[in-house]
Amino acid sequence: MRPAALLLILAPALACAAERAGPAVTRIGSVDYINIEDEAARIGLRVERLGAQAILLKDGARPVAQLTEHSREMDLKGLRVFLGNPVNEKGGAFHVSLADYRLRLLPRLRPALCPPPPQPPRKIAIDPGHGGHDHGAENHALGTMEKTYTLDVASRMKRMLEAAGYEVVMTRDSDVDVPLALRAEVANRAGADLFVSIHFNSLYPNTKTTGAEVLNFPPPRQRSTDSWSMGGRDDAEPAAAPVNAFDAWNTLLAGAVHLRILDALRDGDRGEKFAHLGVLRELKCPGILVESAIISSDKESALLETSAFREKIASAVCAGIGDYAEQLRALRPEAPRAQPGPAPAAAPGAAAQRFEPTRPNGT
């Protein structure tokens, strides 16, 4: 056998062995960092310098991530994704925190190097945010409330997912107030494989900004995204919450849903972020919270009043769930290819992945 052919056969095994050995760790401040330029080479990616303050990671000829010194924001396959710690330059090389490398980058660039994935989902918990006395965000000019839209979108998702063969459990199916911790308990008691909480953002008095964001629970010892804002406090938690057992797969799920929402709505990318959300904390399955539009926006609040826009949101989130399930099946080839199948597509051509890093939209 030719050496080149042998190398192709052995490459996956060598990559797995390299990852098991673990990256070399450098302490910067109180955080463990790794040299992302060295690690990129170890997992089969190329590094291209973009001046003195940014690098581009490439998978073959395709750009897949752009990292900027001192920034917590990266462009990951064309999506705006926030890191838990800022990128640092040290010794002439770019470094990312060990947690961000393992839990943000690897799941999206080399998921086969992550811990064994969960089984593809069959039972999905949908959580319509707020309810009852808790109206959520309100648009006073239109007289509309977040709780009404979340239940409507969640009900549409239930119909779509059941039609695709999934079993669905709702944390509420009427206008009632459900405590945050109980919502996770509903999913856990049902044995849900996946949890998606549906919400809509508010930025009053700002009525112009539009866009979607997806939120994960922060890993241990990483701060929430908002805590880095001016005047914010370090809210990192030292101990892991139950949902942190699925951090890599929360990331994979967030990316799949994020991409579908952006491609369906095309109205601004506010990014994937972290928050210590009570609705996610106690989950015993992967889970995310989705803010697909901004109810305080004049433009998006008007769209939310239309059933067509709410149907589009529901379809996009379901399509993202279907994409996530397909990725898990690819990582677990031994898993039987049985029902349920992929969820319906959000829009023609929406499944095409982005690879060219782009300047993020939204704020």
Protein backbone atom coordinates (compact mmCIF):
# COMPACT_ATOMS: atom_id res chain seq x y z
CA MET A 1 0.00 0.00 0.00
CA ARG A 2 1.28 3.48 -0.85
CA PRO A 3 2.28 5.70 2.12
CA ALA A 4 -0.23 8.39 1.10
CA ALA A 5 -3.10 5.89 1.08
CA LEU A 6 -2.01 4.49 4.44
CA LEU A 7 -1.93 8.00 5.89
CA LEU A 8 -5.51 8.64 4.74
CA ILE A 9 -6.66 5.45 6.44
CA LEU A 10 -4.83 6.21 9.67
CA ALA A 11 -5.68 9.93 9.86
CA PRO A 12 -8.93 9.59 11.87
CA ALA A 13 -7.30 7.26 14.36
CA LEU A 14 -4.30 9.56 14.72
CA ALA A 15 -6.60 12.54 15.28
CA CYS A 16 -8.54 10.66 17.96
CA ALA A 17 -5.30 9.61 19.66
CA ALA A 18 -4.10 13.21 19.62
CA GLU A 19 -7.28 14.44 21.22
CA ARG A 20 -7.17 11.72 23.90
CA ALA A 21 -3.63 12.85 24.75
CA GLY A 22 -5.06 16.32 25.38
CA PRO A 23 -3.82 19.73 24.30
CA ALA A 24 -0.97 21.47 26.11
CA VAL A 25 -2.39 23.99 28.59
CA THR A 26 -1.08 27.50 29.26
CA ARG A 27 -2.33 29.49 32.22
CA ILE A 28 -3.30 33.08 31.37
CA GLY A 29 -4.57 34.88 34.44
CA SER A 30 -6.82 32.37 36.17
CA VAL A 31 -7.94 30.60 32.97
CA ASP A 32 -6.51 27.55 31.19
CA TYR A 33 -5.77 28.34 27.52
CA ILE A 34 -4.49 26.30 24.60
CA ASN A 35 -2.53 27.34 21.53
CA ILE A 36 -5.26 27.19 18.89
CA GLU A 37 -2.72 27.35 16.07
CA ASP A 38 -1.03 24.15 17.29
CA GLU A 39 -4.36 22.46 17.99
CA ALA A 40 -5.75 23.35 14.58
CA ALA A 41 -2.87 21.46 12.97
CA ARG A 42 -3.48 18.48 15.26
CA ILE A 43 -7.10 18.16 14.16
CA GLY A 44 -6.51 18.73 10.46
CA LEU A 45 -7.25 22.46 10.11
CA ARG A 46 -5.09 25.16 8.55
CA VAL A 47 -4.40 28.59 10.03
CA GLU A 48 -4.22 31.76 7.98
CA ARG A 49 -3.15 35.04 9.55
CA LEU A 50 -5.37 38.07 8.90
CA GLY A 51 -2.97 40.81 9.87
CA ALA A 52 -1.64 41.00 13.41
CA GLN A 53 -4.91 40.68 15.32
CA ALA A 54 -6.97 37.89 13.71
CA ILE A 55 -6.66 34.39 12.32
CA LEU A 56 -8.78 32.31 9.99
CA LEU A 57 -9.19 28.55 10.50
CA LYS A 58 -9.68 26.60 7.30
CA ASP A 59 -10.92 23.08 6.65
CA GLY A 60 -9.12 22.43 3.39
CA ALA A 61 -9.95 25.50 1.29
CA ARG A 62 -13.08 26.40 3.29
CA PRO A 63 -12.89 29.11 5.96
CA VAL A 64 -14.70 27.77 9.04
CA ALA A 65 -13.82 30.15 11.89
CA GLN A 66 -12.40 33.60 12.43
CA LEU A 67 -10.89 34.58 15.79
CA THR A 68 -9.79 38.05 16.86
CA GLU A 69 -7.37 38.95 19.64
CA HIS A 70 -8.98 40.20 22.88
CA SER A 71 -12.45 39.41 21.53
CA ARG A 72 -15.05 37.00 22.91
CA GLU A 73 -16.89 37.03 19.61
CA MET A 74 -15.98 34.70 16.76
CA ASP A 75 -17.37 33.93 13.35
CA LEU A 76 -18.03 30.19 13.27
CA LYS A 77 -19.13 28.90 9.86
CA GLY A 78 -20.71 32.28 9.16
CA LEU A 79 -22.56 32.43 12.49
CA ARG A 80 -21.97 34.88 15.31
CA VAL A 81 -20.86 32.89 18.35
CA PHE A 82 -19.71 34.25 21.72
CA LEU A 83 -16.89 32.60 23.63
CA GLY A 84 -16.76 32.29 27.39
CA ASN A 85 -13.32 33.92 27.54
CA PRO A 86 -11.56 36.39 25.22
CA VAL A 87 -9.03 35.19 22.66
CA ASN A 88 -5.44 35.94 23.76
CA GLU A 89 -2.18 36.29 21.88
CA LYS A 90 0.78 34.85 23.79
CA GLY A 91 4.27 34.04 22.59
CA GLY A 92 3.36 35.04 19.05
CA ALA A 93 0.43 32.58 18.83
CA PHE A 94 -3.32 32.89 19.33
CA HIS A 95 -4.82 31.10 22.35
CA VAL A 96 -8.42 30.23 23.24
CA SER A 97 -9.59 28.95 26.59
CA LEU A 98 -9.56 25.19 27.02
CA ALA A 99 -13.30 25.24 27.78
CA ASP A 100 -14.08 27.19 24.61
CA TYR A 101 -11.94 24.86 22.52
CA ARG A 102 -13.61 21.71 23.84
CA LEU A 103 -17.16 23.01 24.16
CA ARG A 104 -17.50 25.65 21.40
CA LEU A 105 -15.05 24.79 18.62
CA LEU A 106 -14.67 21.01 18.62
CA PRO A 107 -18.43 20.22 18.58
CA ARG A 108 -18.87 22.29 15.41
CA LEU A 109 -15.57 21.62 13.64
CA ARG A 110 -14.65 18.09 14.76
CA PRO A 111 -17.63 16.58 16.65
CA ALA A 112 -16.17 13.08 16.33
CA LEU A 113 -13.45 14.17 18.79
CA CYS A 114 -16.03 15.03 21.47
CA PRO A 115 -17.25 12.57 24.13
CA PRO A 116 -19.75 9.94 22.91
CA PRO A 117 -22.90 11.72 21.70
CA PRO A 118 -26.39 11.05 23.04
CA GLN A 119 -28.83 8.98 21.04
CA PRO A 120 -30.67 10.89 18.30
CA PRO A 121 -33.78 12.43 19.88
CA ARG A 122 -37.13 10.70 19.78
CA LYS A 123 -38.94 12.60 22.56
CA ILE A 124 -38.73 16.40 22.50
CA ALA A 125 -39.81 18.81 25.25
CA ILE A 126 -41.04 22.20 24.04
CA ASP A 127 -41.27 25.00 26.56
CA PRO A 128 -43.46 28.01 25.68
CA GLY A 129 -41.91 30.76 27.79
CA HIS A 130 -43.89 32.69 30.43
CA GLY A 131 -47.66 32.23 30.85
CA GLY A 132 -50.45 33.09 33.27
CA HIS A 133 -49.57 36.13 35.41
CA ASP A 134 -46.13 36.19 33.81
CA HIS A 135 -46.78 38.01 30.55
CA GLY A 136 -43.10 38.16 29.54
CA ALA A 137 -42.13 41.07 27.30
CA GLU A 138 -44.92 43.31 26.04
CA ASN A 139 -45.36 45.62 23.10
CA HIS A 140 -47.54 48.31 24.62
CA ALA A 141 -48.18 50.08 21.34
CA LEU A 142 -49.68 46.92 19.85
CA GLY A 143 -51.07 45.48 23.07
CA THR A 144 -49.30 42.16 22.50
CA MET A 145 -47.56 39.87 25.01
CA GLU A 146 -44.69 37.44 24.69
CA LYS A 147 -46.55 34.61 26.44
CA THR A 148 -49.16 34.51 23.64
CA TYR A 149 -46.60 34.23 20.86
CA THR A 150 -44.50 31.60 22.64
CA LEU A 151 -47.49 29.31 23.10
CA ASP A 152 -48.58 29.80 19.50
CA VAL A 153 -45.13 28.98 18.08
CA ALA A 154 -44.69 26.03 20.45
CA SER A 155 -48.08 24.60 19.42
CA ARG A 156 -47.11 24.87 15.75
CA MET A 157 -43.82 23.11 16.52
CA LYS A 158 -45.66 20.30 18.29
CA ARG A 159 -47.79 19.70 15.21
CA MET A 160 -44.77 19.70 12.89
CA LEU A 161 -42.60 17.46 15.05
CA GLU A 162 -45.37 14.92 15.62
CA ALA A 163 -45.98 14.82 11.87
CA ALA A 164 -42.26 13.98 11.49
CA GLY A 165 -42.61 11.07 13.94
CA TYR A 166 -41.30 12.61 17.15
CA GLU A 167 -43.02 12.33 20.51
CA VAL A 168 -43.59 15.78 22.01
CA VAL A 169 -44.15 16.91 25.59
CA MET A 170 -45.20 20.52 26.32
CA THR A 171 -44.35 22.26 29.60
CA ARG A 172 -47.62 24.14 29.18
CA ASP A 173 -50.39 23.97 26.59
CA SER A 174 -52.55 26.80 27.92
CA ASP A 175 -52.18 30.23 29.50
CA VAL A 176 -50.87 29.10 32.91
CA ASP A 177 -47.87 30.08 35.00
CA VAL A 178 -45.30 27.26 35.30
CA PRO A 179 -42.29 27.78 37.63
CA LEU A 180 -38.94 27.66 35.84
CA ALA A 181 -37.59 24.66 37.78
CA LEU A 182 -40.80 22.73 37.12
CA ARG A 183 -40.37 23.16 33.37
CA ALA A 184 -37.11 21.22 33.44
CA GLU A 185 -38.72 18.67 35.76
CA VAL A 186 -41.53 18.10 33.25
CA ALA A 187 -38.92 17.27 30.61
CA ASN A 188 -36.89 15.08 32.96
CA ARG A 189 -39.91 13.11 34.19
CA ALA A 190 -41.01 12.50 30.60
CA GLY A 191 -37.55 11.21 29.69
CA ALA A 192 -37.12 13.89 27.02
CA ASP A 193 -34.07 13.62 24.76
CA LEU A 194 -34.09 17.31 23.92
CA PHE A 195 -35.47 20.56 25.36
CA VAL A 196 -36.17 23.82 23.50
CA SER A 197 -37.53 26.88 25.29
CA ILE A 198 -39.29 29.43 23.06
CA HIS A 199 -38.99 33.14 23.89
CA PHE A 200 -38.96 36.59 22.27
CA ASN A 201 -36.54 39.34 23.19
CA SER A 202 -37.16 42.92 24.30
CA LEU A 203 -34.77 45.87 24.14
CA TYR A 204 -36.99 48.80 25.16
CA PRO A 205 -36.62 51.73 24.67
CA ASN A 206 -34.81 50.54 21.52
CA THR A 207 -37.50 49.86 18.92
CA LYS A 208 -35.24 49.53 15.88
CA THR A 209 -32.92 46.56 16.53
CA THR A 210 -34.00 43.23 15.08
CA GLY A 211 -32.52 39.74 15.09
CA ALA A 212 -32.36 36.32 16.70
CA GLU A 213 -30.19 34.82 19.40
CA VAL A 214 -29.80 31.38 20.94
CA LEU A 215 -28.76 30.84 24.55
CA ASN A 216 -26.91 28.02 26.29
CA PHE A 217 -26.19 27.48 29.98
CA PRO A 218 -22.57 28.51 30.75
CA PRO A 219 -20.00 25.81 31.51
CA PRO A 220 -18.57 25.82 35.05
CA ARG A 221 -16.22 28.74 35.74
CA GLN A 222 -17.40 30.70 32.71
CA ARG A 223 -19.43 33.89 32.95
CA SER A 224 -22.72 34.69 31.26
CA THR A 225 -22.37 36.80 28.12
CA ASP A 226 -24.17 39.83 29.57
CA SER A 227 -21.92 39.85 32.64
CA TRP A 228 -19.07 41.12 30.45
CA SER A 229 -21.01 44.32 29.73
CA MET A 230 -20.02 47.61 31.36
CA GLY A 231 -20.80 47.36 35.06
CA GLY A 232 -21.46 43.62 34.92
CA ARG A 233 -20.20 41.31 37.65
CA ASP A 234 -18.43 37.98 37.37
CA ASP A 235 -21.27 35.47 37.76
CA ALA A 236 -19.29 32.31 36.96
CA GLU A 237 -20.34 29.27 38.96
CA PRO A 238 -17.66 26.82 40.19
CA ALA A 239 -19.85 23.73 40.17
CA ALA A 240 -21.47 22.03 37.19
CA ALA A 241 -25.25 22.04 36.80
CA PRO A 242 -26.98 18.88 35.49
CA VAL A 243 -27.33 20.39 31.99
CA ASN A 244 -23.54 20.91 31.80
CA ALA A 245 -23.19 17.16 31.21
CA PHE A 246 -24.36 17.94 27.65
CA ASP A 247 -22.35 21.11 26.96
CA ALA A 248 -20.84 19.90 23.67
CA TRP A 249 -24.24 18.77 22.39
CA ASN A 250 -25.98 21.94 23.59
CA THR A 251 -23.50 23.72 21.32
CA LEU A 252 -24.26 21.44 18.38
CA LEU A 253 -28.01 21.90 18.88
CA ALA A 254 -27.67 25.68 19.23
CA GLY A 255 -25.72 25.93 15.98
CA ALA A 256 -28.21 23.84 14.04
CA VAL A 257 -31.20 25.91 15.22
CA HIS A 258 -29.31 29.20 14.91
CA LEU A 259 -28.46 28.54 11.25
CA ARG A 260 -32.03 27.60 10.32
CA ILE A 261 -33.53 30.65 12.02
CA LEU A 262 -31.14 33.05 10.31
CA ASP A 263 -31.70 31.48 6.91
CA ALA A 264 -35.48 31.55 7.35
CA LEU A 265 -35.92 35.02 8.86
CA ARG A 266 -32.87 36.87 7.46
CA ASP A 267 -33.25 39.66 9.98
CA GLY A 268 -30.01 40.02 11.97
CA ASP A 269 -27.70 37.74 13.95
CA ARG A 270 -27.47 38.60 17.65
CA GLY A 271 -25.41 35.48 18.26
CA GLU A 272 -25.16 32.40 20.42
CA LYS A 273 -24.74 33.44 24.04
CA PHE A 274 -24.55 32.11 27.60
CA ALA A 275 -26.92 32.78 30.51
CA HIS A 276 -27.53 31.04 33.85
CA LEU A 277 -31.12 30.24 32.93
CA GLY A 278 -33.25 28.52 35.54
CA VAL A 279 -35.27 26.80 32.85
CA LEU A 280 -32.15 24.98 31.58
CA ARG A 281 -30.17 24.40 34.78
CA GLU A 282 -31.67 21.09 35.95
CA LEU A 283 -32.11 19.45 32.55
CA LYS A 284 -30.95 15.86 32.09
CA CYS A 285 -30.80 16.24 28.32
CA PRO A 286 -29.43 18.79 25.84
CA GLY A 287 -31.35 22.04 25.90
CA ILE A 288 -31.34 25.60 24.56
CA LEU A 289 -33.41 28.76 24.77
CA VAL A 290 -34.34 30.48 21.50
CA GLU A 291 -35.11 34.21 21.11
CA SER A 292 -36.04 34.28 17.43
CA ALA A 293 -37.35 37.86 17.23
CA ILE A 294 -37.57 41.08 19.26
CA ILE A 295 -41.03 42.02 20.45
CA SER A 296 -39.95 45.63 21.16
CA SER A 297 -38.90 46.08 17.53
CA ASP A 298 -41.43 47.98 15.45
CA LYS A 299 -40.61 45.78 12.47
CA GLU A 300 -40.55 42.37 14.14
CA SER A 301 -43.50 42.99 16.45
CA ALA A 302 -45.61 43.74 13.38
CA LEU A 303 -44.40 40.52 11.76
CA LEU A 304 -45.14 38.54 14.94
CA GLU A 305 -48.78 39.52 14.63
CA THR A 306 -48.98 37.45 11.43
CA SER A 307 -49.55 33.71 11.53
CA ALA A 308 -47.25 33.29 8.51
CA PHE A 309 -44.25 34.68 10.43
CA ARG A 310 -44.97 32.53 13.50
CA GLU A 311 -45.29 29.49 11.23
CA LYS A 312 -41.93 30.35 9.68
CA ILE A 313 -40.30 30.52 13.12
CA ALA A 314 -41.77 27.18 14.16
CA SER A 315 -40.66 25.54 10.93
CA ALA A 316 -37.12 26.91 11.26
CA VAL A 317 -36.66 25.64 14.83
CA CYS A 318 -38.05 22.23 13.87
CA ALA A 319 -35.74 22.06 10.87
CA GLY A 320 -32.80 22.84 13.15
CA ILE A 321 -33.84 20.00 15.45
CA GLY A 322 -33.96 17.70 12.45
CA ASP A 323 -30.46 18.80 11.37
CA TYR A 324 -29.14 18.17 14.89
CA ALA A 325 -30.67 14.68 14.89
CA GLU A 326 -29.03 13.94 11.54
CA GLN A 327 -25.64 15.03 12.89
CA LEU A 328 -26.02 12.69 15.85
CA ARG A 329 -26.95 9.83 13.53
CA ALA A 330 -23.80 10.49 11.51
CA LEU A 331 -21.75 10.33 14.72
CA ARG A 332 -23.47 7.10 15.80
CA PRO A 333 -23.53 4.97 12.65
CA GLU A 334 -24.59 1.96 14.70
CA ALA A 335 -27.85 3.72 15.63
CA PRO A 336 -30.81 2.24 13.69
CA ARG A 337 -32.21 4.48 10.98
CA ALA A 338 -35.75 4.30 12.29
CA GLN A 339 -38.46 6.87 12.73
CA PRO A 340 -38.55 9.69 13.57
CA GLY A 341 -37.05 11.24 10.51
CA PRO A 342 -35.86 14.78 9.87
CA ALA A 343 -38.22 17.60 10.70
CA PRO A 344 -39.63 19.62 7.79
CA ALA A 345 -37.31 22.11 6.12
CA ALA A 346 -37.71 25.76 7.01
CA ALA A 347 -37.34 27.04 3.48
CA PRO A 348 -36.02 25.84 0.12
CA GLY A 349 -32.24 25.60 0.26
CA ALA A 350 -32.06 26.41 3.97
CA ALA A 351 -30.12 23.24 4.74
CA ALA A 352 -27.03 24.51 2.93
CA GLN A 353 -24.37 25.21 5.55
CA ARG A 354 -22.47 28.48 5.70
CA PHE A 355 -18.70 28.25 5.58
CA GLU A 356 -17.52 31.69 4.52
CA PRO A 357 -17.08 33.76 7.69
CA THR A 358 -19.07 36.95 7.40
CA ARG A 359 -19.31 40.15 9.36
CA PRO A 360 -22.08 39.59 11.96
CA ASN A 361 -25.32 41.50 11.66
CA GLY A 362 -27.30 42.84 14.56
CA THR A 363 -25.89 44.23 17.83
